[in-house]
Amino acid sequence: MIRRAEAAMTATFTRELRASRLSRFLHVHLGLAVAIGFLAFLTRGEADGAATLWILEGVIHGLSLSALLLGLSSAQAEADEFPVLFSQPVPRAAWLLGKAAALAVVLMPAGIVLVAPAAVLSGLSAPLAGLGMAAAGVTFAFAVLGLAIGLRVRDRVRALFAGVAAWLLLLVGTGLVLLAISGASWVPRHSGWWVALLMANPLDALRITVLFDVEHAAFAGLDAGPLVRWWLGHAWTWLAVIVAMWTAAAFAVGLAGACRPQDA
């Protein structure tokens, strides 16, 4: 059984790599990464800070969506073959692992080209390298999320709407909720709960991590409790943890969707 699973994962991985060369979502993703990276040359006088902000905003507002759509497209590319694929005597987790591994490989170049121009201009600093790795991790998490949505929602149109809705929720939903309750009297007294909601969102975690570590910003008007102080001291560690948690959760949802009956 183990050998069958390894063979299925390898075959799926190879097939996904070949299919990705024709994916318009991958082409858009890589094109956006190149364009965002080369914006550093427009602000070469202040390459360190400006390039970091370009990369941050590009990942949050562009690459996260293109990565999600890439995963969604990958899940639906073989929808017509699911009855045959899933009738084989191999674990469906092996098939899903092969797809996820291929997505990780094809998304890796985007993280490199994002930071390469800034590294050429001002050298590869530790924060810049960390931002490149964080961008790759966040976009991979969104790709697996798109994969999960595509496997869970079989109809193509509904899956597209669900994917965009999930992205918008993560992009602005948490921020709007926190903004709406920020004036409440209990927020200063229980700031940990307010921050916990912010920390649980990978896009907000990436934004705050970069602002803390690179731009040296801080919360304004919010009493820094133990949770905030811990986050300030371990921002990159928490970002890695939250990205891994979102990736694992999305993989679990995708596996549950793959195990659903085909007519469900």
C-alpha atoms as a PDB file:
ATOM      1  CA  MET A   1       0.000   0.000   0.000  1.00  0.00           C
ATOM      2  CA  ILE A   2       2.871   2.360   0.818  1.00  0.00           C
ATOM      3  CA  ARG A   3       4.476   1.743  -2.552  1.00  0.00           C
ATOM      4  CA  ARG A   4       1.161   2.367  -4.295  1.00  0.00           C
ATOM      5  CA  ALA A   5       0.728   5.613  -2.406  1.00  0.00           C
ATOM      6  CA  GLU A   6       4.249   6.749  -3.308  1.00  0.00           C
ATOM      7  CA  ALA A   7       3.700   5.843  -6.953  1.00  0.00           C
ATOM      8  CA  ALA A   8       0.379   7.698  -7.024  1.00  0.00           C
ATOM      9  CA  MET A   9       1.896  10.765  -5.380  1.00  0.00           C
ATOM     10  CA  THR A  10       4.831  10.790  -7.802  1.00  0.00           C
ATOM     11  CA  ALA A  11       2.571  10.346 -10.828  1.00  0.00           C
ATOM     12  CA  THR A  12       0.244  13.113  -9.665  1.00  0.00           C
ATOM     13  CA  PHE A  13       3.195  15.402  -8.918  1.00  0.00           C
ATOM     14  CA  THR A  14       4.680  14.863 -12.388  1.00  0.00           C
ATOM     15  CA  ARG A  15       1.358  15.312 -14.131  1.00  0.00           C
ATOM     16  CA  GLU A  16       0.610  18.488 -12.198  1.00  0.00           C
ATOM     17  CA  LEU A  17       3.970  19.983 -13.125  1.00  0.00           C
ATOM     18  CA  ARG A  18       3.346  19.306 -16.788  1.00  0.00           C
ATOM     19  CA  ALA A  19      -0.175  20.700 -16.665  1.00  0.00           C
ATOM     20  CA  SER A  20       0.941  23.831 -14.811  1.00  0.00           C
ATOM     21  CA  ARG A  21       2.984  24.970 -17.797  1.00  0.00           C
ATOM     22  CA  LEU A  22      -0.287  25.706 -19.603  1.00  0.00           C
ATOM     23  CA  SER A  23      -2.076  27.262 -16.621  1.00  0.00           C
ATOM     24  CA  ARG A  24      -2.996  30.873 -17.274  1.00  0.00           C
ATOM     25  CA  PHE A  25      -3.361  31.402 -13.532  1.00  0.00           C
ATOM     26  CA  LEU A  26       0.277  30.406 -13.019  1.00  0.00           C
ATOM     27  CA  HIS A  27       1.360  32.722 -15.837  1.00  0.00           C
ATOM     28  CA  VAL A  28      -0.580  35.592 -14.246  1.00  0.00           C
ATOM     29  CA  HIS A  29       0.874  34.772 -10.831  1.00  0.00           C
ATOM     30  CA  LEU A  30       4.463  34.764 -12.066  1.00  0.00           C
ATOM     31  CA  GLY A  31       3.863  37.868 -14.186  1.00  0.00           C
ATOM     32  CA  LEU A  32       2.527  39.738 -11.157  1.00  0.00           C
ATOM     33  CA  ALA A  33       5.505  38.626  -9.089  1.00  0.00           C
ATOM     34  CA  VAL A  34       7.946  39.909 -11.719  1.00  0.00           C
ATOM     35  CA  ALA A  35       6.120  43.231 -12.033  1.00  0.00           C
ATOM     36  CA  ILE A  36       5.947  43.728  -8.266  1.00  0.00           C
ATOM     37  CA  GLY A  37       9.602  42.830  -7.827  1.00  0.00           C
ATOM     38  CA  PHE A  38      10.800  45.266 -10.473  1.00  0.00           C
ATOM     39  CA  LEU A  39       8.873  48.125  -8.871  1.00  0.00           C
ATOM     40  CA  ALA A  40      11.902  48.350  -6.578  1.00  0.00           C
ATOM     41  CA  PHE A  41      13.816  49.966  -9.445  1.00  0.00           C
ATOM     42  CA  LEU A  42      11.299  52.820  -9.490  1.00  0.00           C
ATOM     43  CA  THR A  43      12.186  53.672  -5.889  1.00  0.00           C
ATOM     44  CA  ARG A  44      15.852  52.772  -5.875  1.00  0.00           C
ATOM     45  CA  GLY A  45      16.718  55.758  -3.705  1.00  0.00           C
ATOM     46  CA  GLU A  46      14.825  54.159  -0.820  1.00  0.00           C
ATOM     47  CA  ALA A  47      14.992  50.552  -1.945  1.00  0.00           C
ATOM     48  CA  ASP A  48      14.916  48.917   1.472  1.00  0.00           C
ATOM     49  CA  GLY A  49      11.649  50.332   2.808  1.00  0.00           C
ATOM     50  CA  ALA A  50       9.825  51.001  -0.464  1.00  0.00           C
ATOM     51  CA  ALA A  51      10.583  47.598  -1.995  1.00  0.00           C
ATOM     52  CA  THR A  52       9.401  45.874   1.173  1.00  0.00           C
ATOM     53  CA  LEU A  53       6.084  47.709   1.076  1.00  0.00           C
ATOM     54  CA  TRP A  54       5.654  46.996  -2.646  1.00  0.00           C
ATOM     55  CA  ILE A  55       6.206  43.289  -2.009  1.00  0.00           C
ATOM     56  CA  LEU A  56       3.905  43.269   1.017  1.00  0.00           C
ATOM     57  CA  GLU A  57       1.015  44.951  -0.771  1.00  0.00           C
ATOM     58  CA  GLY A  58       1.568  42.869  -3.893  1.00  0.00           C
ATOM     59  CA  VAL A  59       1.327  39.618  -1.950  1.00  0.00           C
ATOM     60  CA  ILE A  60      -1.715  40.708   0.030  1.00  0.00           C
ATOM     61  CA  HIS A  61      -3.737  42.262  -2.795  1.00  0.00           C
ATOM     62  CA  GLY A  62      -2.590  40.303  -5.835  1.00  0.00           C
ATOM     63  CA  LEU A  63      -0.542  37.157  -5.402  1.00  0.00           C
ATOM     64  CA  SER A  64      -2.753  35.694  -2.687  1.00  0.00           C
ATOM     65  CA  LEU A  65      -5.734  35.791  -5.062  1.00  0.00           C
ATOM     66  CA  SER A  66      -3.837  34.444  -8.080  1.00  0.00           C
ATOM     67  CA  ALA A  67      -2.451  31.610  -5.935  1.00  0.00           C
ATOM     68  CA  LEU A  68      -5.941  30.746  -4.695  1.00  0.00           C
ATOM     69  CA  LEU A  69      -7.277  30.695  -8.259  1.00  0.00           C
ATOM     70  CA  LEU A  70      -4.335  28.521  -9.299  1.00  0.00           C
ATOM     71  CA  GLY A  71      -5.230  25.969  -6.637  1.00  0.00           C
ATOM     72  CA  LEU A  72      -8.897  26.176  -7.573  1.00  0.00           C
ATOM     73  CA  SER A  73      -8.064  25.572 -11.222  1.00  0.00           C
ATOM     74  CA  SER A  74      -5.839  22.647 -10.290  1.00  0.00           C
ATOM     75  CA  ALA A  75      -8.646  20.991  -8.341  1.00  0.00           C
ATOM     76  CA  GLN A  76     -11.146  21.386 -11.160  1.00  0.00           C
ATOM     77  CA  ALA A  77      -8.809  20.438 -14.001  1.00  0.00           C
ATOM     78  CA  GLU A  78      -9.380  16.739 -13.390  1.00  0.00           C
ATOM     79  CA  ALA A  79     -12.986  16.903 -12.205  1.00  0.00           C
ATOM     80  CA  ASP A  80     -14.199  14.828 -15.153  1.00  0.00           C
ATOM     81  CA  GLU A  81     -11.662  12.127 -14.269  1.00  0.00           C
ATOM     82  CA  PHE A  82     -12.515  11.863 -10.578  1.00  0.00           C
ATOM     83  CA  PRO A  83     -14.649   8.709 -10.990  1.00  0.00           C
ATOM     84  CA  VAL A  84     -11.667   6.942 -12.566  1.00  0.00           C
ATOM     85  CA  LEU A  85      -8.956   8.487 -10.379  1.00  0.00           C
ATOM     86  CA  PHE A  86     -10.745   7.808  -7.120  1.00  0.00           C
ATOM     87  CA  SER A  87     -11.640   4.245  -8.065  1.00  0.00           C
ATOM     88  CA  GLN A  88      -7.975   3.261  -7.903  1.00  0.00           C
ATOM     89  CA  PRO A  89      -6.786   1.322  -4.810  1.00  0.00           C
ATOM     90  CA  VAL A  90      -4.614   4.155  -3.474  1.00  0.00           C
ATOM     91  CA  PRO A  91      -5.233   6.674  -0.671  1.00  0.00           C
ATOM     92  CA  ARG A  92      -6.717   9.924  -1.884  1.00  0.00           C
ATOM     93  CA  ALA A  93      -4.339  11.710   0.463  1.00  0.00           C
ATOM     94  CA  ALA A  94      -1.460  10.568  -1.752  1.00  0.00           C
ATOM     95  CA  TRP A  95      -3.107  12.124  -4.802  1.00  0.00           C
ATOM     96  CA  LEU A  96      -3.726  15.359  -2.895  1.00  0.00           C
ATOM     97  CA  LEU A  97      -0.155  15.420  -1.555  1.00  0.00           C
ATOM     98  CA  GLY A  98       1.168  15.102  -5.090  1.00  0.00           C
ATOM     99  CA  LYS A  99      -0.907  18.068  -6.212  1.00  0.00           C
ATOM    100  CA  ALA A 100       0.083  20.172  -3.207  1.00  0.00           C
ATOM    101  CA  ALA A 101       3.771  19.383  -3.680  1.00  0.00           C
ATOM    102  CA  ALA A 102       3.592  20.401  -7.340  1.00  0.00           C
ATOM    103  CA  LEU A 103       1.880  23.671  -6.401  1.00  0.00           C
ATOM    104  CA  ALA A 104       4.669  24.377  -3.913  1.00  0.00           C
ATOM    105  CA  VAL A 105       7.297  23.852  -6.611  1.00  0.00           C
ATOM    106  CA  VAL A 106       5.630  26.029  -9.249  1.00  0.00           C
ATOM    107  CA  LEU A 107       4.987  28.837  -6.734  1.00  0.00           C
ATOM    108  CA  MET A 108       8.566  28.890  -5.459  1.00  0.00           C
ATOM    109  CA  PRO A 109       9.992  31.022  -8.320  1.00  0.00           C
ATOM    110  CA  ALA A 110       7.524  33.806  -7.501  1.00  0.00           C
ATOM    111  CA  GLY A 111       9.011  34.219  -4.034  1.00  0.00           C
ATOM    112  CA  ILE A 112      12.470  34.516  -5.570  1.00  0.00           C
ATOM    113  CA  VAL A 113      11.648  37.073  -8.253  1.00  0.00           C
ATOM    114  CA  LEU A 114       9.756  39.176  -5.707  1.00  0.00           C
ATOM    115  CA  VAL A 115      12.886  39.955  -3.703  1.00  0.00           C
ATOM    116  CA  ALA A 116      15.615  39.533  -6.351  1.00  0.00           C
ATOM    117  CA  PRO A 117      15.489  43.125  -7.728  1.00  0.00           C
ATOM    118  CA  ALA A 118      15.592  44.647  -4.240  1.00  0.00           C
ATOM    119  CA  ALA A 119      18.441  42.301  -3.335  1.00  0.00           C
ATOM    120  CA  VAL A 120      20.363  43.448  -6.415  1.00  0.00           C
ATOM    121  CA  LEU A 121      19.878  47.096  -5.480  1.00  0.00           C
ATOM    122  CA  SER A 122      20.636  46.981  -1.775  1.00  0.00           C
ATOM    123  CA  GLY A 123      21.833  43.496  -0.921  1.00  0.00           C
ATOM    124  CA  LEU A 124      19.946  40.545   0.476  1.00  0.00           C
ATOM    125  CA  SER A 125      19.175  41.464   4.073  1.00  0.00           C
ATOM    126  CA  ALA A 126      17.659  39.080   6.608  1.00  0.00           C
ATOM    127  CA  PRO A 127      14.256  40.874   6.654  1.00  0.00           C
ATOM    128  CA  LEU A 128      14.121  40.838   2.846  1.00  0.00           C
ATOM    129  CA  ALA A 129      14.942  37.129   2.689  1.00  0.00           C
ATOM    130  CA  GLY A 130      12.381  36.477   5.403  1.00  0.00           C
ATOM    131  CA  LEU A 131       9.773  38.417   3.454  1.00  0.00           C
ATOM    132  CA  GLY A 132      10.486  36.335   0.343  1.00  0.00           C
ATOM    133  CA  MET A 133      10.026  33.105   2.279  1.00  0.00           C
ATOM    134  CA  ALA A 134       6.919  34.468   3.983  1.00  0.00           C
ATOM    135  CA  ALA A 135       5.454  35.457   0.606  1.00  0.00           C
ATOM    136  CA  ALA A 136       6.081  31.954  -0.726  1.00  0.00           C
ATOM    137  CA  GLY A 137       4.495  30.405   2.365  1.00  0.00           C
ATOM    138  CA  VAL A 138       1.413  32.613   2.325  1.00  0.00           C
ATOM    139  CA  THR A 139       0.790  32.125  -1.392  1.00  0.00           C
ATOM    140  CA  PHE A 140       1.210  28.356  -0.995  1.00  0.00           C
ATOM    141  CA  ALA A 141      -1.337  28.372   1.840  1.00  0.00           C
ATOM    142  CA  PHE A 142      -3.787  30.202  -0.426  1.00  0.00           C
ATOM    143  CA  ALA A 143      -3.113  27.750  -3.248  1.00  0.00           C
ATOM    144  CA  VAL A 144      -3.967  24.837  -0.952  1.00  0.00           C
ATOM    145  CA  LEU A 145      -7.055  26.766   0.180  1.00  0.00           C
ATOM    146  CA  GLY A 146      -8.105  27.091  -3.457  1.00  0.00           C
ATOM    147  CA  LEU A 147      -7.451  23.385  -3.927  1.00  0.00           C
ATOM    148  CA  ALA A 148      -9.684  22.645  -0.938  1.00  0.00           C
ATOM    149  CA  ILE A 149     -12.506  24.862  -2.180  1.00  0.00           C
ATOM    150  CA  GLY A 150     -12.329  23.298  -5.636  1.00  0.00           C
ATOM    151  CA  LEU A 151     -12.611  19.812  -4.169  1.00  0.00           C
ATOM    152  CA  ARG A 152     -15.322  20.757  -1.729  1.00  0.00           C
ATOM    153  CA  VAL A 153     -17.497  22.722  -4.180  1.00  0.00           C
ATOM    154  CA  ARG A 154     -17.690  20.703  -7.368  1.00  0.00           C
ATOM    155  CA  ASP A 155     -19.619  23.201  -9.502  1.00  0.00           C
ATOM    156  CA  ARG A 156     -17.130  25.464 -11.283  1.00  0.00           C
ATOM    157  CA  VAL A 157     -19.089  28.712 -11.003  1.00  0.00           C
ATOM    158  CA  ARG A 158     -20.024  28.189  -7.359  1.00  0.00           C
ATOM    159  CA  ALA A 159     -16.450  27.233  -6.556  1.00  0.00           C
ATOM    160  CA  LEU A 160     -15.164  30.433  -8.177  1.00  0.00           C
ATOM    161  CA  PHE A 161     -17.594  32.555  -6.165  1.00  0.00           C
ATOM    162  CA  ALA A 162     -16.719  30.667  -2.986  1.00  0.00           C
ATOM    163  CA  GLY A 163     -13.000  31.155  -3.612  1.00  0.00           C
ATOM    164  CA  VAL A 164     -13.279  34.882  -4.246  1.00  0.00           C
ATOM    165  CA  ALA A 165     -15.587  35.246  -1.235  1.00  0.00           C
ATOM    166  CA  ALA A 166     -13.071  33.444   0.986  1.00  0.00           C
ATOM    167  CA  TRP A 167     -10.279  35.698  -0.273  1.00  0.00           C
ATOM    168  CA  LEU A 168     -12.304  38.859   0.319  1.00  0.00           C
ATOM    169  CA  LEU A 169     -13.198  37.668   3.799  1.00  0.00           C
ATOM    170  CA  LEU A 170      -9.538  37.202   4.666  1.00  0.00           C
ATOM    171  CA  LEU A 171      -8.507  40.408   2.894  1.00  0.00           C
ATOM    172  CA  VAL A 172     -10.994  42.837   4.430  1.00  0.00           C
ATOM    173  CA  GLY A 173     -13.469  40.885   6.555  1.00  0.00           C
ATOM    174  CA  THR A 174     -11.348  40.564   9.687  1.00  0.00           C
ATOM    175  CA  GLY A 175     -10.181  44.160   9.438  1.00  0.00           C
ATOM    176  CA  LEU A 176     -13.725  45.482   9.086  1.00  0.00           C
ATOM    177  CA  VAL A 177     -14.918  43.508  12.101  1.00  0.00           C
ATOM    178  CA  LEU A 178     -12.008  44.674  14.227  1.00  0.00           C
ATOM    179  CA  LEU A 179     -12.460  48.253  13.051  1.00  0.00           C
ATOM    180  CA  ALA A 180     -16.153  48.110  13.912  1.00  0.00           C
ATOM    181  CA  ILE A 181     -15.489  46.958  17.462  1.00  0.00           C
ATOM    182  CA  SER A 182     -12.293  48.946  18.064  1.00  0.00           C
ATOM    183  CA  GLY A 183     -14.203  51.762  19.734  1.00  0.00           C
ATOM    184  CA  ALA A 184     -15.924  49.487  22.214  1.00  0.00           C
ATOM    185  CA  SER A 185     -15.134  50.120  25.857  1.00  0.00           C
ATOM    186  CA  TRP A 186     -14.048  46.523  26.482  1.00  0.00           C
ATOM    187  CA  VAL A 187     -11.297  46.516  23.816  1.00  0.00           C
ATOM    188  CA  PRO A 188      -8.626  48.296  25.896  1.00  0.00           C
ATOM    189  CA  ARG A 189      -9.381  45.986  28.833  1.00  0.00           C
ATOM    190  CA  HIS A 190      -9.352  42.802  26.758  1.00  0.00           C
ATOM    191  CA  SER A 191      -6.951  43.717  23.994  1.00  0.00           C
ATOM    192  CA  GLY A 192      -5.678  40.132  23.798  1.00  0.00           C
ATOM    193  CA  TRP A 193      -8.938  38.934  22.251  1.00  0.00           C
ATOM    194  CA  TRP A 194      -8.856  41.778  19.739  1.00  0.00           C
ATOM    195  CA  VAL A 195      -5.269  40.953  18.765  1.00  0.00           C
ATOM    196  CA  ALA A 196      -5.982  37.209  18.649  1.00  0.00           C
ATOM    197  CA  LEU A 197      -8.482  37.745  15.837  1.00  0.00           C
ATOM    198  CA  LEU A 198      -5.874  39.736  13.970  1.00  0.00           C
ATOM    199  CA  MET A 199      -3.179  37.114  14.545  1.00  0.00           C
ATOM    200  CA  ALA A 200      -5.363  34.296  13.212  1.00  0.00           C
ATOM    201  CA  ASN A 201      -5.610  35.850   9.738  1.00  0.00           C
ATOM    202  CA  PRO A 202      -2.543  35.004   7.593  1.00  0.00           C
ATOM    203  CA  LEU A 203      -2.779  38.224   5.572  1.00  0.00           C
ATOM    204  CA  ASP A 204      -3.056  40.407   8.658  1.00  0.00           C
ATOM    205  CA  ALA A 205      -0.293  38.413  10.337  1.00  0.00           C
ATOM    206  CA  LEU A 206       1.962  39.016   7.332  1.00  0.00           C
ATOM    207  CA  ARG A 207       1.132  42.725   7.241  1.00  0.00           C
ATOM    208  CA  ILE A 208       1.733  43.306  10.943  1.00  0.00           C
ATOM    209  CA  THR A 209       4.875  41.166  10.981  1.00  0.00           C
ATOM    210  CA  VAL A 210       6.442  43.200   8.193  1.00  0.00           C
ATOM    211  CA  LEU A 211       5.397  46.509   9.741  1.00  0.00           C
ATOM    212  CA  PHE A 212       6.800  45.462  13.102  1.00  0.00           C
ATOM    213  CA  ASP A 213      10.065  43.967  11.912  1.00  0.00           C
ATOM    214  CA  VAL A 214      10.905  46.140   8.909  1.00  0.00           C
ATOM    215  CA  GLU A 215       9.059  49.407   9.381  1.00  0.00           C
ATOM    216  CA  HIS A 216       9.229  49.313  13.201  1.00  0.00           C
ATOM    217  CA  ALA A 217       5.614  50.342  13.536  1.00  0.00           C
ATOM    218  CA  ALA A 218       3.429  49.515  16.516  1.00  0.00           C
ATOM    219  CA  PHE A 219      -0.172  49.506  17.596  1.00  0.00           C
ATOM    220  CA  ALA A 220      -1.497  52.974  18.363  1.00  0.00           C
ATOM    221  CA  GLY A 221      -3.986  53.578  21.155  1.00  0.00           C
ATOM    222  CA  LEU A 222      -4.001  49.936  22.270  1.00  0.00           C
ATOM    223  CA  ASP A 223      -2.515  48.824  25.568  1.00  0.00           C
ATOM    224  CA  ALA A 224       0.184  46.282  24.772  1.00  0.00           C
ATOM    225  CA  GLY A 225      -0.756  43.232  26.826  1.00  0.00           C
ATOM    226  CA  PRO A 226       1.209  39.991  27.138  1.00  0.00           C
ATOM    227  CA  LEU A 227      -0.037  38.662  23.818  1.00  0.00           C
ATOM    228  CA  VAL A 228       0.978  41.806  21.947  1.00  0.00           C
ATOM    229  CA  ARG A 229       4.394  41.814  23.604  1.00  0.00           C
ATOM    230  CA  TRP A 230       4.926  38.170  22.735  1.00  0.00           C
ATOM    231  CA  TRP A 231       3.929  38.817  19.131  1.00  0.00           C
ATOM    232  CA  LEU A 232       6.328  41.740  18.895  1.00  0.00           C
ATOM    233  CA  GLY A 233       9.144  39.472  20.008  1.00  0.00           C
ATOM    234  CA  HIS A 234       8.201  36.415  17.930  1.00  0.00           C
ATOM    235  CA  ALA A 235       6.425  37.842  14.883  1.00  0.00           C
ATOM    236  CA  TRP A 236       8.183  35.717  12.267  1.00  0.00           C
ATOM    237  CA  THR A 237       7.743  32.563  14.350  1.00  0.00           C
ATOM    238  CA  TRP A 238       4.020  33.172  14.680  1.00  0.00           C
ATOM    239  CA  LEU A 239       3.694  33.906  10.979  1.00  0.00           C
ATOM    240  CA  ALA A 240       5.317  30.561  10.169  1.00  0.00           C
ATOM    241  CA  VAL A 241       2.999  28.795  12.636  1.00  0.00           C
ATOM    242  CA  ILE A 242      -0.196  30.421  11.364  1.00  0.00           C
ATOM    243  CA  VAL A 243       0.707  29.747   7.716  1.00  0.00           C
ATOM    244  CA  ALA A 244       1.398  26.104   8.552  1.00  0.00           C
ATOM    245  CA  MET A 245      -1.892  25.846  10.436  1.00  0.00           C
ATOM    246  CA  TRP A 246      -3.891  27.349   7.569  1.00  0.00           C
ATOM    247  CA  THR A 247      -2.151  25.066   5.079  1.00  0.00           C
ATOM    248  CA  ALA A 248      -2.838  21.967   7.184  1.00  0.00           C
ATOM    249  CA  ALA A 249      -6.459  22.970   7.750  1.00  0.00           C
ATOM    250  CA  ALA A 250      -6.998  23.636   4.038  1.00  0.00           C
ATOM    251  CA  PHE A 251      -5.403  20.284   3.194  1.00  0.00           C
ATOM    252  CA  ALA A 252      -7.760  18.540   5.630  1.00  0.00           C
ATOM    253  CA  VAL A 253     -10.780  20.265   4.080  1.00  0.00           C
ATOM    254  CA  GLY A 254      -9.560  19.340   0.603  1.00  0.00           C
ATOM    255  CA  LEU A 255      -9.068  15.718   1.619  1.00  0.00           C
ATOM    256  CA  ALA A 256     -12.583  15.612   3.057  1.00  0.00           C
ATOM    257  CA  GLY A 257     -13.873  17.039  -0.219  1.00  0.00           C
ATOM    258  CA  ALA A 258     -11.951  14.452  -2.238  1.00  0.00           C
ATOM    259  CA  CYS A 259     -13.446  11.672  -0.092  1.00  0.00           C
ATOM    260  CA  ARG A 260     -16.999  12.824  -0.744  1.00  0.00           C
ATOM    261  CA  PRO A 261     -19.172  10.686  -3.025  1.00  0.00           C
ATOM    262  CA  GLN A 262     -18.935  11.881  -6.605  1.00  0.00           C
ATOM    263  CA  ASP A 263     -22.632  12.706  -6.856  1.00  0.00           C
ATOM    264  CA  ALA A 264     -22.707  14.631  -3.593  1.00  0.00           C
END
